[in-house]
Amino acid sequence: MSTAVTMRKFLKDTQINLWMGLRLISFRPCGSPSFVINGDQIAVLMLIDLALTIAISYLSTLPEPLFNTYALPDYFFRQLISWLLIFIIAKFWKKSWPFLATGIVILNTTAPVLDLIIGINKYVQNHTSNPTASPYSALNLFIVLAYLYLYVILWRVFYIASNHQKALASVALLTLIFSGGLQTRVFGETTDFWYHPDPEDNEDDDRWAEYRKMDAEQLMYRQPDILSAALQTLTPQRKHLSELFFIGFAGYASEDVFSKEVAFAKNMLDTRFGTQGHSINLVNHLHTRDNIPLANATNLAATLKRIGSIMDKDEDVLMLYMTSHGSRDHRFAVSFWPLALNDITPEKLRAMLDNAGIKWRVIIVSACYSGGFIKALESDDTLIATAAAADKTSFGCGTASEFTYFGEAVFKDLLPHDYAIIAALKKAQITISEREKREGIEASLPQLFVGKAIEGKLESLGKEIGARVCGGGESDKTTC
């Protein structure tokens, strides 16, 4: 047979298969004998499906789509999984080759239309603002109907390939659906050949460019001077008064929320609790690195020692607010890339506080798994409040956030209106629980430990500061 004749037959066979595929998806009568089943058709129909998948992915991500090189191995891997599943099912039917070959050919003849449906779905989602805001939206209805149609067509493919064996077709369909869900669970969503460039990626590139330009060595060598200047602003306690001292510790440089939070907390406490001259922030952030000491263990230990030396250990109370990420093994994240900073453990923090000789301690930790700090820090003279239980995550971190959920409840919503610190922290637990229920997220379960001795101390401190600040003219009366 000449090459020309072979090519004409090949093209004719392909035309027949595509035509029969159209009949199949439009629910017209067709059977497996109507399809041309051979190795050439398996290969060409796979290539057609691949080309259409790439083309439809391209069109659905216009304008400015970027090609994803990882999509090709992902595509062939998932094809191989599908073939193996069909083959295993066919082995139980004892007609493996006919079922496998027929199933693959018929599946690929219907693929162009199936690809088109999926492509339309992706296009609408990519070009519609908040398309699935309502569970009853037109797009969601289209998605449901489209997938129902896909499943019916797939069932018909296996029904025809198995010579009208309904049970076998149903088993094959359910196996593919289960396999697809399992693959998504293990390997993630199907990788698209084209994708939109994310504006946030460019923002991230710009943000990290600033970090790369930073002179890390110079910054570290300047820390003693920056810290010394900040510590010099701290003034000794005033005799015969019980006062509150404050340290804010924002540990994670690449997310603005932590630096914003300690800045707000310090300003609020200065105004309402009279901590002017008794408050200091340690912050990891690009924009504050030249004038505010870094939040690291060395600076924290030095700051605690300085405050311990100027406060009245019997009368004054330290409030230490630490905000950052936390880990399952209860390490408080201290990060300012490219600096190599050490995370802080509960035991390390306890040692710093003990070495500073500070008796009355209010330790507030806003981080995931921060409940793991309580056991190491607890004492009769200590209050410990954490944003989450030892095995729970907390919420609200991120560059776009102004506060973490915990920081917002404590420092923005409650302490500005209540001198009773313990009562405010108890209310914060309720406030956060209600918010998490409204938003349908897993409870973080903020924790509160109050030592026997400090309970009475904080009650008297709150009353004294309230009377002094509101009655003695130390602040604007609008804060009272």
Foldseek 3Di string as FASTA:
>chain_A
DDPVVVVVVLVVLLVQLLVVLVCLLVVHDDFLVSHDFDPSLLVVLVVVLVVLLQVLLCVLADDPWDFDPVQVVLVVVLVVVLLVLQQVLVVVVVNRPLLSRQLSSSVSSNSNVLSNLVSVLSSCVNPDDPQPPDCPGPSNVSVVVSVVSVLVSQLSSSCRSVVRDNVSSVVSSVVSVVVQVVCCVVVNDRDGRIHDDDPVVVVVVVVVVLLVPDPVVVLVVCQVVLLVVQLVLAAFDDPPAAAEAEEQAQAEAPACQRVLLSVLLVVLCCFQQVCRSRYAYADQYPVCSVRHHHRALVSVLVSLLSNLVRYDQVRYAYEYEYEDEADLVAWGHHDHPPDDGGTDHLQSVQVSNVVSVRQAYEYEYEYQLNLNNDVSNDDLRYKYKYQAHNRFGFAQTGNPGNYTLLSCQQRPPFVLQALQNVVSSVVSQVVQQVVCVVVVHDRRRMDIDHHNNNNVSSVVSSVRSNCCSCVVVSHDVVSD
